[in-house]
């Protein structure tokens, strides 16, 4: 087996944080439409970059209702953002060196209501 590289697989770019819920076991709730557009899975690890306060965190995806526009930090992550913050949500994949050169990440841009555009 050759070397593995960790490559960007998908990104939801500049979504708006719609809520925070501290009293939860932890995760980021995302509108199912965003999850599908970015080819993410419930339970998948994501990195969340908060453009408004420079925080970075690692958590996992849970589903929020389709069409809701939900982007909500739950549990301890809720302390790292505020409603209205702009965030980037990233997934990565471990791929062999050859596949790494061919991989084209999925980039999902959103409107002001967090709908894919």
PDB file of N, CA and C in Angstrom:
ATOM      1  N   UNK A   1       0.843  -1.195   0.000  1.00  0.00           N
ATOM      2  CA  UNK A   1       0.000   0.000   0.000  1.00  0.00           C
ATOM      3  C   UNK A   1       0.874   1.239   0.000  1.00  0.00           C
ATOM      4  N   UNK A   2       0.550   2.167  -0.885  1.00  0.00           N
ATOM      5  CA  UNK A   2       1.333   3.395  -0.992  1.00  0.00           C
ATOM      6  C   UNK A   2       0.918   4.432   0.034  1.00  0.00           C
ATOM      7  N   UNK A   3       1.518   5.566  -0.122  1.00  0.00           N
ATOM      8  CA  UNK A   3       1.241   6.678   0.777  1.00  0.00           C
ATOM      9  C   UNK A   3      -0.206   7.158   0.619  1.00  0.00           C
ATOM     10  N   UNK A   4      -0.805   7.551   1.741  1.00  0.00           N
ATOM     11  CA  UNK A   4      -2.132   8.155   1.742  1.00  0.00           C
ATOM     12  C   UNK A   4      -1.965   9.656   1.957  1.00  0.00           C
ATOM     13  N   UNK A   5      -2.812  10.420   1.285  1.00  0.00           N
ATOM     14  CA  UNK A   5      -2.844  11.865   1.489  1.00  0.00           C
ATOM     15  C   UNK A   5      -4.242  12.241   1.958  1.00  0.00           C
ATOM     16  N   UNK A   6      -4.332  13.211   2.867  1.00  0.00           N
ATOM     17  CA  UNK A   6      -5.622  13.704   3.344  1.00  0.00           C
ATOM     18  C   UNK A   6      -5.976  14.928   2.507  1.00  0.00           C
ATOM     19  N   UNK A   7      -7.026  14.775   1.695  1.00  0.00           N
ATOM     20  CA  UNK A   7      -7.390  15.791   0.711  1.00  0.00           C
ATOM     21  C   UNK A   7      -8.778  16.350   1.000  1.00  0.00           C
ATOM     22  N   UNK A   8      -8.969  17.620   0.657  1.00  0.00           N
ATOM     23  CA  UNK A   8     -10.292  18.226   0.747  1.00  0.00           C
ATOM     24  C   UNK A   8     -11.233  17.444  -0.161  1.00  0.00           C
ATOM     25  N   UNK A   9     -12.376  16.998   0.397  1.00  0.00           N
ATOM     26  CA  UNK A   9     -13.358  16.250  -0.381  1.00  0.00           C
ATOM     27  C   UNK A   9     -14.572  17.095  -0.706  1.00  0.00           C
ATOM     28  N   UNK A  10     -15.030  17.890   0.273  1.00  0.00           N
ATOM     29  CA  UNK A  10     -16.171  18.762   0.016  1.00  0.00           C
ATOM     30  C   UNK A  10     -16.142  19.950   0.963  1.00  0.00           C
ATOM     31  N   UNK A  11     -16.863  21.014   0.533  1.00  0.00           N
ATOM     32  CA  UNK A  11     -16.878  22.246   1.324  1.00  0.00           C
ATOM     33  C   UNK A  11     -18.214  22.938   1.130  1.00  0.00           C
ATOM     34  N   UNK A  12     -18.801  23.366   2.244  1.00  0.00           N
ATOM     35  CA  UNK A  12     -19.936  24.289   2.217  1.00  0.00           C
ATOM     36  C   UNK A  12     -19.337  25.642   2.565  1.00  0.00           C
ATOM     37  N   UNK A  13     -19.401  26.584   1.625  1.00  0.00           N
ATOM     38  CA  UNK A  13     -18.646  27.831   1.720  1.00  0.00           C
ATOM     39  C   UNK A  13     -19.515  28.998   2.178  1.00  0.00           C
ATOM     40  N   UNK A  14     -19.122  29.603   3.290  1.00  0.00           N
ATOM     41  CA  UNK A  14     -19.736  30.835   3.813  1.00  0.00           C
ATOM     42  C   UNK A  14     -21.214  30.677   4.152  1.00  0.00           C
ATOM     43  N   UNK A  15     -21.552  29.572   4.815  1.00  0.00           N
ATOM     44  CA  UNK A  15     -22.914  29.424   5.332  1.00  0.00           C
ATOM     45  C   UNK A  15     -23.071  30.336   6.540  1.00  0.00           C
ATOM     46  N   UNK A  16     -24.306  30.669   6.860  1.00  0.00           N
ATOM     47  CA  UNK A  16     -24.598  31.537   8.009  1.00  0.00           C
ATOM     48  C   UNK A  16     -25.092  30.677   9.166  1.00  0.00           C
ATOM     49  N   UNK A  17     -24.456  30.828  10.317  1.00  0.00           N
ATOM     50  CA  UNK A  17     -24.864  30.088  11.503  1.00  0.00           C
ATOM     51  C   UNK A  17     -26.254  30.566  11.938  1.00  0.00           C
ATOM     52  N   UNK A  18     -27.188  29.610  12.036  1.00  0.00           N
ATOM     53  CA  UNK A  18     -28.579  29.956  12.354  1.00  0.00           C
ATOM     54  C   UNK A  18     -28.941  29.701  13.806  1.00  0.00           C
ATOM     55  N   UNK A  19     -28.090  28.989  14.543  1.00  0.00           N
ATOM     56  CA  UNK A  19     -28.404  28.709  15.931  1.00  0.00           C
ATOM     57  C   UNK A  19     -27.261  28.040  16.660  1.00  0.00           C
ATOM     58  N   UNK A  20     -27.380  28.026  17.987  1.00  0.00           N
ATOM     59  CA  UNK A  20     -26.453  27.293  18.853  1.00  0.00           C
ATOM     60  C   UNK A  20     -27.289  26.662  19.959  1.00  0.00           C
ATOM     61  N   UNK A  21     -26.905  25.460  20.369  1.00  0.00           N
ATOM     62  CA  UNK A  21     -27.642  24.749  21.426  1.00  0.00           C
ATOM     63  C   UNK A  21     -26.617  24.059  22.318  1.00  0.00           C
ATOM     64  N   UNK A  22     -26.288  24.697  23.437  1.00  0.00           N
ATOM     65  CA  UNK A  22     -25.264  24.174  24.336  1.00  0.00           C
ATOM     66  C   UNK A  22     -25.675  22.849  24.966  1.00  0.00           C
ATOM     67  N   UNK A  23     -26.935  22.707  25.337  1.00  0.00           N
ATOM     68  CA  UNK A  23     -27.405  21.521  26.053  1.00  0.00           C
ATOM     69  C   UNK A  23     -27.694  20.383  25.081  1.00  0.00           C
ATOM     70  N   UNK A  24     -26.632  19.867  24.464  1.00  0.00           N
ATOM     71  CA  UNK A  24     -26.740  18.801  23.477  1.00  0.00           C
ATOM     72  C   UNK A  24     -25.429  18.048  23.503  1.00  0.00           C
ATOM     73  N   UNK A  25     -25.438  16.793  23.098  1.00  0.00           N
ATOM     74  CA  UNK A  25     -24.215  15.988  23.209  1.00  0.00           C
ATOM     75  C   UNK A  25     -23.107  16.413  22.257  1.00  0.00           C
ATOM     76  N   UNK A  26     -23.430  17.166  21.214  1.00  0.00           N
ATOM     77  CA  UNK A  26     -22.392  17.700  20.346  1.00  0.00           C
ATOM     78  C   UNK A  26     -22.558  17.342  18.893  1.00  0.00           C
ATOM     79  N   UNK A  27     -22.340  18.306  18.010  1.00  0.00           N
ATOM     80  CA  UNK A  27     -22.415  18.092  16.563  1.00  0.00           C
ATOM     81  C   UNK A  27     -22.699  19.411  15.874  1.00  0.00           C
ATOM     82  N   UNK A  28     -22.844  19.340  14.555  1.00  0.00           N
ATOM     83  CA  UNK A  28     -23.366  20.460  13.788  1.00  0.00           C
ATOM     84  C   UNK A  28     -24.577  19.947  13.019  1.00  0.00           C
ATOM     85  N   UNK A  29     -25.719  20.578  13.216  1.00  0.00           N
ATOM     86  CA  UNK A  29     -26.939  20.227  12.494  1.00  0.00           C
ATOM     87  C   UNK A  29     -26.958  21.010  11.193  1.00  0.00           C
ATOM     88  N   UNK A  30     -27.125  20.288  10.081  1.00  0.00           N
ATOM     89  CA  UNK A  30     -27.152  20.911   8.757  1.00  0.00           C
ATOM     90  C   UNK A  30     -28.414  20.513   8.020  1.00  0.00           C
ATOM     91  N   UNK A  31     -28.979  21.472   7.304  1.00  0.00           N
ATOM     92  CA  UNK A  31     -30.106  21.223   6.409  1.00  0.00           C
ATOM     93  C   UNK A  31     -29.749  20.038   5.505  1.00  0.00           C
ATOM     94  N   UNK A  32     -30.645  19.077   5.401  1.00  0.00           N
ATOM     95  CA  UNK A  32     -30.412  17.887   4.568  1.00  0.00           C
ATOM     96  C   UNK A  32     -30.046  18.280   3.134  1.00  0.00           C
ATOM     97  N   UNK A  33     -30.616  19.373   2.619  1.00  0.00           N
ATOM     98  CA  UNK A  33     -30.279  19.806   1.256  1.00  0.00           C
ATOM     99  C   UNK A  33     -28.793  20.153   1.141  1.00  0.00           C
ATOM    100  N   UNK A  34     -28.227  20.765   2.181  1.00  0.00           N
ATOM    101  CA  UNK A  34     -26.792  21.069   2.189  1.00  0.00           C
ATOM    102  C   UNK A  34     -25.962  19.798   2.301  1.00  0.00           C
ATOM    103  N   UNK A  35     -26.398  18.880   3.164  1.00  0.00           N
ATOM    104  CA  UNK A  35     -25.686  17.611   3.335  1.00  0.00           C
ATOM    105  C   UNK A  35     -25.592  16.877   2.001  1.00  0.00           C
ATOM    106  N   UNK A  36     -26.717  16.814   1.284  1.00  0.00           N
ATOM    107  CA  UNK A  36     -26.737  16.117  -0.016  1.00  0.00           C
ATOM    108  C   UNK A  36     -25.868  16.836  -1.044  1.00  0.00           C
ATOM    109  N   UNK A  37     -25.984  18.166  -1.107  1.00  0.00           N
ATOM    110  CA  UNK A  37     -25.229  18.936  -2.100  1.00  0.00           C
ATOM    111  C   UNK A  37     -23.726  18.759  -1.915  1.00  0.00           C
ATOM    112  N   UNK A  38     -23.295  18.634  -0.654  1.00  0.00           N
ATOM    113  CA  UNK A  38     -21.863  18.494  -0.348  1.00  0.00           C
ATOM    114  C   UNK A  38     -21.435  17.032  -0.238  1.00  0.00           C
ATOM    115  N   UNK A  39     -22.351  16.106  -0.502  1.00  0.00           N
ATOM    116  CA  UNK A  39     -22.067  14.668  -0.401  1.00  0.00           C
ATOM    117  C   UNK A  39     -21.496  14.305   0.970  1.00  0.00           C
ATOM    118  N   UNK A  40     -22.133  14.835   2.010  1.00  0.00           N
ATOM    119  CA  UNK A  40     -21.758  14.496   3.386  1.00  0.00           C
ATOM    120  C   UNK A  40     -22.726  13.441   3.897  1.00  0.00           C
ATOM    121  N   UNK A  41     -22.353  12.778   4.978  1.00  0.00           N
ATOM    122  CA  UNK A  41     -23.200  11.763   5.594  1.00  0.00           C
ATOM    123  C   UNK A  41     -23.436  12.107   7.060  1.00  0.00           C
ATOM    124  N   UNK A  42     -24.615  11.776   7.592  1.00  0.00           N
ATOM    125  CA  UNK A  42     -24.817  11.932   9.032  1.00  0.00           C
ATOM    126  C   UNK A  42     -23.733  11.139   9.780  1.00  0.00           C
ATOM    127  N   UNK A  43     -23.165  11.751  10.776  1.00  0.00           N
ATOM    128  CA  UNK A  43     -22.098  11.109  11.544  1.00  0.00           C
ATOM    129  C   UNK A  43     -20.706  11.348  10.984  1.00  0.00           C
ATOM    130  N   UNK A  44     -20.612  11.920   9.789  1.00  0.00           N
ATOM    131  CA  UNK A  44     -19.301  12.159   9.184  1.00  0.00           C
ATOM    132  C   UNK A  44     -18.579  13.302   9.895  1.00  0.00           C
ATOM    133  N   UNK A  45     -17.275  13.136  10.064  1.00  0.00           N
ATOM    134  CA  UNK A  45     -16.456  14.180  10.678  1.00  0.00           C
ATOM    135  C   UNK A  45     -16.368  15.378   9.738  1.00  0.00           C
ATOM    136  N   UNK A  46     -16.505  16.560  10.322  1.00  0.00           N
ATOM    137  CA  UNK A  46     -16.325  17.804   9.576  1.00  0.00           C
ATOM    138  C   UNK A  46     -15.464  18.762  10.383  1.00  0.00           C
ATOM    139  N   UNK A  47     -14.773  19.611   9.673  1.00  0.00           N
ATOM    140  CA  UNK A  47     -14.054  20.726  10.275  1.00  0.00           C
ATOM    141  C   UNK A  47     -14.892  21.960  10.007  1.00  0.00           C
ATOM    142  N   UNK A  48     -15.115  22.769  11.039  1.00  0.00           N
ATOM    143  CA  UNK A  48     -15.907  23.983  10.905  1.00  0.00           C
ATOM    144  C   UNK A  48     -14.979  25.165  11.178  1.00  0.00           C
ATOM    145  N   UNK A  49     -14.884  26.062  10.206  1.00  0.00           N
ATOM    146  CA  UNK A  49     -14.056  27.250  10.322  1.00  0.00           C
ATOM    147  C   UNK A  49     -14.988  28.442  10.441  1.00  0.00           C
ATOM    148  N   UNK A  50     -14.875  29.178  11.536  1.00  0.00           N
ATOM    149  CA  UNK A  50     -15.737  30.327  11.767  1.00  0.00           C
ATOM    150  C   UNK A  50     -15.006  31.573  11.273  1.00  0.00           C
ATOM    151  N   UNK A  51     -15.502  32.139  10.171  1.00  0.00           N
ATOM    152  CA  UNK A  51     -14.868  33.319   9.582  1.00  0.00           C
ATOM    153  C   UNK A  51     -15.060  34.562  10.438  1.00  0.00           C
ATOM    154  N   UNK A  52     -16.054  34.547  11.311  1.00  0.00           N
ATOM    155  CA  UNK A  52     -16.367  35.726  12.115  1.00  0.00           C
ATOM    156  C   UNK A  52     -15.488  35.859  13.351  1.00  0.00           C
ATOM    157  N   UNK A  53     -14.970  34.731  13.875  1.00  0.00           N
ATOM    158  CA  UNK A  53     -14.164  34.822  15.098  1.00  0.00           C
ATOM    159  C   UNK A  53     -12.871  34.006  15.050  1.00  0.00           C
ATOM    160  N   UNK A  54     -12.549  33.420  13.899  1.00  0.00           N
ATOM    161  CA  UNK A  54     -11.307  32.670  13.668  1.00  0.00           C
ATOM    162  C   UNK A  54     -11.244  31.341  14.428  1.00  0.00           C
ATOM    163  N   UNK A  55     -12.349  30.866  14.992  1.00  0.00           N
ATOM    164  CA  UNK A  55     -12.364  29.561  15.665  1.00  0.00           C
ATOM    165  C   UNK A  55     -12.393  28.447  14.622  1.00  0.00           C
ATOM    166  N   UNK A  56     -11.745  27.331  14.956  1.00  0.00           N
ATOM    167  CA  UNK A  56     -11.786  26.123  14.138  1.00  0.00           C
ATOM    168  C   UNK A  56     -12.169  24.985  15.071  1.00  0.00           C
ATOM    169  N   UNK A  57     -13.055  24.095  14.608  1.00  0.00           N
ATOM    170  CA  UNK A  57     -13.430  22.965  15.444  1.00  0.00           C
ATOM    171  C   UNK A  57     -13.696  21.743  14.586  1.00  0.00           C
ATOM    172  N   UNK A  58     -13.636  20.598  15.217  1.00  0.00           N
ATOM    173  CA  UNK A  58     -13.942  19.318  14.565  1.00  0.00           C
ATOM    174  C   UNK A  58     -15.143  18.726  15.269  1.00  0.00           C
ATOM    175  N   UNK A  59     -16.138  18.316  14.493  1.00  0.00           N
ATOM    176  CA  UNK A  59     -17.332  17.694  15.039  1.00  0.00           C
ATOM    177  C   UNK A  59     -17.876  16.732  13.994  1.00  0.00           C
ATOM    178  N   UNK A  60     -19.164  16.399  14.090  1.00  0.00           N
ATOM    179  CA  UNK A  60     -19.789  15.501  13.119  1.00  0.00           C
ATOM    180  C   UNK A  60     -21.149  16.042  12.725  1.00  0.00           C
ATOM    181  N   UNK A  61     -21.627  15.592  11.586  1.00  0.00           N
ATOM    182  CA  UNK A  61     -22.874  16.083  10.991  1.00  0.00           C
ATOM    183  C   UNK A  61     -24.084  15.339  11.545  1.00  0.00           C
ATOM    184  N   UNK A  62     -25.151  16.085  11.844  1.00  0.00           N
ATOM    185  CA  UNK A  62     -26.479  15.495  12.044  1.00  0.00           C
ATOM    186  C   UNK A  62     -27.449  16.227  11.117  1.00  0.00           C
ATOM    187  N   UNK A  63     -28.539  15.551  10.790  1.00  0.00           N
ATOM    188  CA  UNK A  63     -29.499  16.105   9.834  1.00  0.00           C
ATOM    189  C   UNK A  63     -30.476  17.076  10.494  1.00  0.00           C
ATOM    190  N   UNK A  64     -30.744  18.157   9.781  1.00  0.00           N
ATOM    191  CA  UNK A  64     -31.826  19.080  10.105  1.00  0.00           C
ATOM    192  C   UNK A  64     -32.802  19.029   8.927  1.00  0.00           C
ATOM    193  N   UNK A  65     -34.039  19.431   9.134  1.00  0.00           N
ATOM    194  CA  UNK A  65     -35.042  19.314   8.074  1.00  0.00           C
ATOM    195  C   UNK A  65     -34.627  19.987   6.760  1.00  0.00           C
ATOM    196  N   UNK A  66     -34.943  19.314   5.653  1.00  0.00           N
ATOM    197  CA  UNK A  66     -34.671  19.859   4.320  1.00  0.00           C
ATOM    198  C   UNK A  66     -35.415  21.175   4.147  1.00  0.00           C
ATOM    199  N   UNK A  67     -34.748  22.132   3.533  1.00  0.00           N
ATOM    200  CA  UNK A  67     -35.363  23.425   3.268  1.00  0.00           C
ATOM    201  C   UNK A  67     -35.360  24.380   4.445  1.00  0.00           C
ATOM    202  N   UNK A  68     -34.856  23.930   5.599  1.00  0.00           N
ATOM    203  CA  UNK A  68     -34.867  24.761   6.806  1.00  0.00           C
ATOM    204  C   UNK A  68     -33.747  25.803   6.816  1.00  0.00           C
ATOM    205  N   UNK A  69     -32.679  25.540   6.064  1.00  0.00           N
ATOM    206  CA  UNK A  69     -31.520  26.431   6.092  1.00  0.00           C
ATOM    207  C   UNK A  69     -30.696  26.314   7.356  1.00  0.00           C
ATOM    208  N   UNK A  70     -30.971  25.293   8.162  1.00  0.00           N
ATOM    209  CA  UNK A  70     -30.305  25.152   9.459  1.00  0.00           C
ATOM    210  C   UNK A  70     -28.810  24.897   9.317  1.00  0.00           C
ATOM    211  N   UNK A  71     -28.034  25.681  10.057  1.00  0.00           N
ATOM    212  CA  UNK A  71     -26.604  25.455  10.297  1.00  0.00           C
ATOM    213  C   UNK A  71     -26.435  25.796  11.768  1.00  0.00           C
ATOM    214  N   UNK A  72     -26.438  24.762  12.642  1.00  0.00           N
ATOM    215  CA  UNK A  72     -26.500  24.992  14.083  1.00  0.00           C
ATOM    216  C   UNK A  72     -25.414  24.220  14.813  1.00  0.00           C
ATOM    217  N   UNK A  73     -24.631  24.943  15.605  1.00  0.00           N
ATOM    218  CA  UNK A  73     -23.609  24.316  16.441  1.00  0.00           C
ATOM    219  C   UNK A  73     -24.248  23.833  17.732  1.00  0.00           C
ATOM    220  N   UNK A  74     -23.973  22.577  18.088  1.00  0.00           N
ATOM    221  CA  UNK A  74     -24.542  21.967  19.285  1.00  0.00           C
ATOM    222  C   UNK A  74     -23.453  21.559  20.264  1.00  0.00           C
ATOM    223  N   UNK A  75     -23.832  21.405  21.526  1.00  0.00           N
ATOM    224  CA  UNK A  75     -22.902  20.949  22.557  1.00  0.00           C
ATOM    225  C   UNK A  75     -21.788  21.960  22.759  1.00  0.00           C
ATOM    226  N   UNK A  76     -20.592  21.494  23.142  1.00  0.00           N
ATOM    227  CA  UNK A  76     -19.489  22.408  23.423  1.00  0.00           C
ATOM    228  C   UNK A  76     -19.173  23.354  22.267  1.00  0.00           C
ATOM    229  N   UNK A  77     -19.385  22.894  21.018  1.00  0.00           N
ATOM    230  CA  UNK A  77     -19.119  23.741  19.854  1.00  0.00           C
ATOM    231  C   UNK A  77     -19.981  24.992  19.854  1.00  0.00           C
ATOM    232  N   UNK A  78     -21.121  24.948  20.537  1.00  0.00           N
ATOM    233  CA  UNK A  78     -22.028  26.101  20.577  1.00  0.00           C
ATOM    234  C   UNK A  78     -21.342  27.328  21.163  1.00  0.00           C
ATOM    235  N   UNK A  79     -20.319  27.129  21.977  1.00  0.00           N
ATOM    236  CA  UNK A  79     -19.601  28.256  22.580  1.00  0.00           C
ATOM    237  C   UNK A  79     -18.640  28.920  21.586  1.00  0.00           C
ATOM    238  N   UNK A  80     -18.465  28.316  20.412  1.00  0.00           N
ATOM    239  CA  UNK A  80     -17.475  28.810  19.446  1.00  0.00           C
ATOM    240  C   UNK A  80     -18.103  29.586  18.296  1.00  0.00           C
ATOM    241  N   UNK A  81     -19.380  29.913  18.417  1.00  0.00           N
ATOM    242  CA  UNK A  81     -20.023  30.682  17.363  1.00  0.00           C
ATOM    243  C   UNK A  81     -21.265  31.378  17.874  1.00  0.00           C
ATOM    244  N   UNK A  82     -21.749  32.329  17.082  1.00  0.00           N
ATOM    245  CA  UNK A  82     -22.970  33.068  17.398  1.00  0.00           C
ATOM    246  C   UNK A  82     -23.829  33.143  16.143  1.00  0.00           C
ATOM    247  N   UNK A  83     -25.128  33.230  16.342  1.00  0.00           N
ATOM    248  CA  UNK A  83     -26.046  33.352  15.218  1.00  0.00           C
ATOM    249  C   UNK A  83     -25.595  34.505  14.326  1.00  0.00           C
ATOM    250  N   UNK A  84     -25.546  34.238  13.027  1.00  0.00           N
ATOM    251  CA  UNK A  84     -25.111  35.243  12.056  1.00  0.00           C
ATOM    252  C   UNK A  84     -23.673  35.094  11.622  1.00  0.00           C
ATOM    253  N   UNK A  85     -22.861  34.319  12.380  1.00  0.00           N
ATOM    254  CA  UNK A  85     -21.470  34.087  11.976  1.00  0.00           C
ATOM    255  C   UNK A  85     -21.424  33.361  10.642  1.00  0.00           C
ATOM    256  N   UNK A  86     -20.426  33.686   9.833  1.00  0.00           N
ATOM    257  CA  UNK A  86     -20.180  32.975   8.578  1.00  0.00           C
ATOM    258  C   UNK A  86     -19.221  31.823   8.871  1.00  0.00           C
ATOM    259  N   UNK A  87     -19.558  30.634   8.353  1.00  0.00           N
ATOM    260  CA  UNK A  87     -18.730  29.451   8.577  1.00  0.00           C
ATOM    261  C   UNK A  87     -18.454  28.720   7.272  1.00  0.00           C
ATOM    262  N   UNK A  88     -17.360  27.982   7.267  1.00  0.00           N
ATOM    263  CA  UNK A  88     -17.003  27.077   6.184  1.00  0.00           C
ATOM    264  C   UNK A  88     -16.954  25.688   6.803  1.00  0.00           C
ATOM    265  N   UNK A  89     -17.604  24.725   6.159  1.00  0.00           N
ATOM    266  CA  UNK A  89     -17.692  23.363   6.686  1.00  0.00           C
ATOM    267  C   UNK A  89     -16.985  22.444   5.688  1.00  0.00           C
ATOM    268  N   UNK A  90     -15.969  21.710   6.167  1.00  0.00           N
ATOM    269  CA  UNK A  90     -15.092  20.928   5.298  1.00  0.00           C
ATOM    270  C   UNK A  90     -15.120  19.448   5.639  1.00  0.00           C
ATOM    271  N   UNK A  91     -15.029  18.605   4.603  1.00  0.00           N
ATOM    272  CA  UNK A  91     -14.745  17.177   4.797  1.00  0.00           C
ATOM    273  C   UNK A  91     -13.459  16.860   4.061  1.00  0.00           C
ATOM    274  N   UNK A  92     -12.768  15.842   4.551  1.00  0.00           N
ATOM    275  CA  UNK A  92     -11.526  15.384   3.944  1.00  0.00           C
ATOM    276  C   UNK A  92     -11.635  13.886   3.695  1.00  0.00           C
ATOM    277  N   UNK A  93     -10.790  13.375   2.816  1.00  0.00           N
ATOM    278  CA  UNK A  93     -10.734  11.942   2.562  1.00  0.00           C
ATOM    279  C   UNK A  93      -9.274  11.518   2.469  1.00  0.00           C
ATOM    280  N   UNK A  94      -8.982  10.334   2.984  1.00  0.00           N
ATOM    281  CA  UNK A  94      -7.657   9.740   2.830  1.00  0.00           C
ATOM    282  C   UNK A  94      -7.667   8.965   1.522  1.00  0.00           C
ATOM    283  N   UNK A  95      -6.820   9.375   0.608  1.00  0.00           N
ATOM    284  CA  UNK A  95      -6.764   8.731  -0.708  1.00  0.00           C
ATOM    285  C   UNK A  95      -5.310   8.437  -1.062  1.00  0.00           C
ATOM    286  N   UNK A  96      -5.130   7.476  -1.980  1.00  0.00           N
ATOM    287  CA  UNK A  96      -3.753   7.188  -2.387  1.00  0.00           C
ATOM    288  C   UNK A  96      -3.237   8.348  -3.241  1.00  0.00           C
ATOM    289  N   UNK A  97      -1.931   8.409  -3.395  1.00  0.00           N
ATOM    290  CA  UNK A  97      -1.286   9.546  -4.049  1.00  0.00           C
ATOM    291  C   UNK A  97      -1.809   9.752  -5.470  1.00  0.00           C
ATOM    292  N   UNK A  98      -2.087   8.686  -6.179  1.00  0.00           N
ATOM    293  CA  UNK A  98      -2.584   8.795  -7.560  1.00  0.00           C
ATOM    294  C   UNK A  98      -3.989   9.421  -7.576  1.00  0.00           C
ATOM    295  N   UNK A  99      -4.871   8.919  -6.711  1.00  0.00           N
ATOM    296  CA  UNK A  99      -6.223   9.472  -6.649  1.00  0.00           C
ATOM    297  C   UNK A  99      -6.203  10.926  -6.182  1.00  0.00           C
ATOM    298  N   UNK A 100      -5.265  11.264  -5.312  1.00  0.00           N
ATOM    299  CA  UNK A 100      -5.170  12.635  -4.794  1.00  0.00           C
ATOM    300  C   UNK A 100      -4.983  13.632  -5.930  1.00  0.00           C
ATOM    301  N   UNK A 101      -4.266  13.239  -6.953  1.00  0.00           N
ATOM    302  CA  UNK A 101      -4.011  14.136  -8.084  1.00  0.00           C
ATOM    303  C   UNK A 101      -5.252  14.340  -8.958  1.00  0.00           C
ATOM    304  N   UNK A 102      -6.205  13.398  -8.900  1.00  0.00           N
ATOM    305  CA  UNK A 102      -7.426  13.477  -9.716  1.00  0.00           C
ATOM    306  C   UNK A 102      -8.614  14.045  -8.947  1.00  0.00           C
ATOM    307  N   UNK A 103      -8.548  14.037  -7.632  1.00  0.00           N
ATOM    308  CA  UNK A 103      -9.698  14.413  -6.806  1.00  0.00           C
ATOM    309  C   UNK A 103     -10.100  15.872  -7.041  1.00  0.00           C
ATOM    310  N   UNK A 104     -11.363  16.069  -7.329  1.00  0.00           N
ATOM    311  CA  UNK A 104     -11.930  17.415  -7.484  1.00  0.00           C
ATOM    312  C   UNK A 104     -12.947  17.609  -6.362  1.00  0.00           C
ATOM    313  N   UNK A 105     -12.654  18.469  -5.400  1.00  0.00           N
ATOM    314  CA  UNK A 105     -13.580  18.643  -4.284  1.00  0.00           C
ATOM    315  C   UNK A 105     -14.904  19.248  -4.732  1.00  0.00           C
ATOM    316  N   UNK A 106     -15.958  18.908  -4.010  1.00  0.00           N
ATOM    317  CA  UNK A 106     -17.283  19.494  -4.222  1.00  0.00           C
ATOM    318  C   UNK A 106     -17.325  20.785  -3.425  1.00  0.00           C
ATOM    319  N   UNK A 107     -17.624  21.883  -4.094  1.00  0.00           N
ATOM    320  CA  UNK A 107     -17.717  23.185  -3.426  1.00  0.00           C
ATOM    321  C   UNK A 107     -19.168  23.644  -3.517  1.00  0.00           C
ATOM    322  N   UNK A 108     -19.810  23.827  -2.379  1.00  0.00           N
ATOM    323  CA  UNK A 108     -21.206  24.262  -2.334  1.00  0.00           C
ATOM    324  C   UNK A 108     -21.254  25.706  -1.844  1.00  0.00           C
ATOM    325  N   UNK A 109     -21.695  26.596  -2.726  1.00  0.00           N
ATOM    326  CA  UNK A 109     -21.927  27.986  -2.351  1.00  0.00           C
ATOM    327  C   UNK A 109     -23.389  28.106  -1.952  1.00  0.00           C
ATOM    328  N   UNK A 110     -23.678  29.004  -1.024  1.00  0.00           N
ATOM    329  CA  UNK A 110     -25.043  29.149  -0.515  1.00  0.00           C
ATOM    330  C   UNK A 110     -25.496  30.597  -0.625  1.00  0.00           C
ATOM    331  N   UNK A 111     -26.824  30.768  -0.620  1.00  0.00           N
ATOM    332  CA  UNK A 111     -27.392  32.114  -0.596  1.00  0.00           C
ATOM    333  C   UNK A 111     -27.551  32.565   0.858  1.00  0.00           C
ATOM    334  N   UNK A 112     -28.232  33.687   1.060  1.00  0.00           N
ATOM    335  CA  UNK A 112     -28.364  34.245   2.411  1.00  0.00           C
ATOM    336  C   UNK A 112     -29.221  33.383   3.331  1.00  0.00           C
ATOM    337  N   UNK A 113     -29.966  32.420   2.770  1.00  0.00           N
ATOM    338  CA  UNK A 113     -30.783  31.507   3.574  1.00  0.00           C
ATOM    339  C   UNK A 113     -30.170  30.101   3.639  1.00  0.00           C
ATOM    340  N   UNK A 114     -28.890  29.994   3.300  1.00  0.00           N
ATOM    341  CA  UNK A 114     -28.160  28.714   3.329  1.00  0.00           C
ATOM    342  C   UNK A 114     -28.708  27.688   2.342  1.00  0.00           C
ATOM    343  N   UNK A 115     -29.251  28.167   1.236  1.00  0.00           N
ATOM    344  CA  UNK A 115     -29.696  27.257   0.177  1.00  0.00           C
ATOM    345  C   UNK A 115     -28.585  27.138  -0.850  1.00  0.00           C
ATOM    346  N   UNK A 116     -28.300  25.911  -1.315  1.00  0.00           N
ATOM    347  CA  UNK A 116     -27.261  25.763  -2.350  1.00  0.00           C
ATOM    348  C   UNK A 116     -27.604  26.577  -3.592  1.00  0.00           C
ATOM    349  N   UNK A 117     -26.585  27.239  -4.156  1.00  0.00           N
ATOM    350  CA  UNK A 117     -26.779  28.007  -5.393  1.00  0.00           C
ATOM    351  C   UNK A 117     -25.895  27.454  -6.497  1.00  0.00           C
TER     352      UNK A 117
END
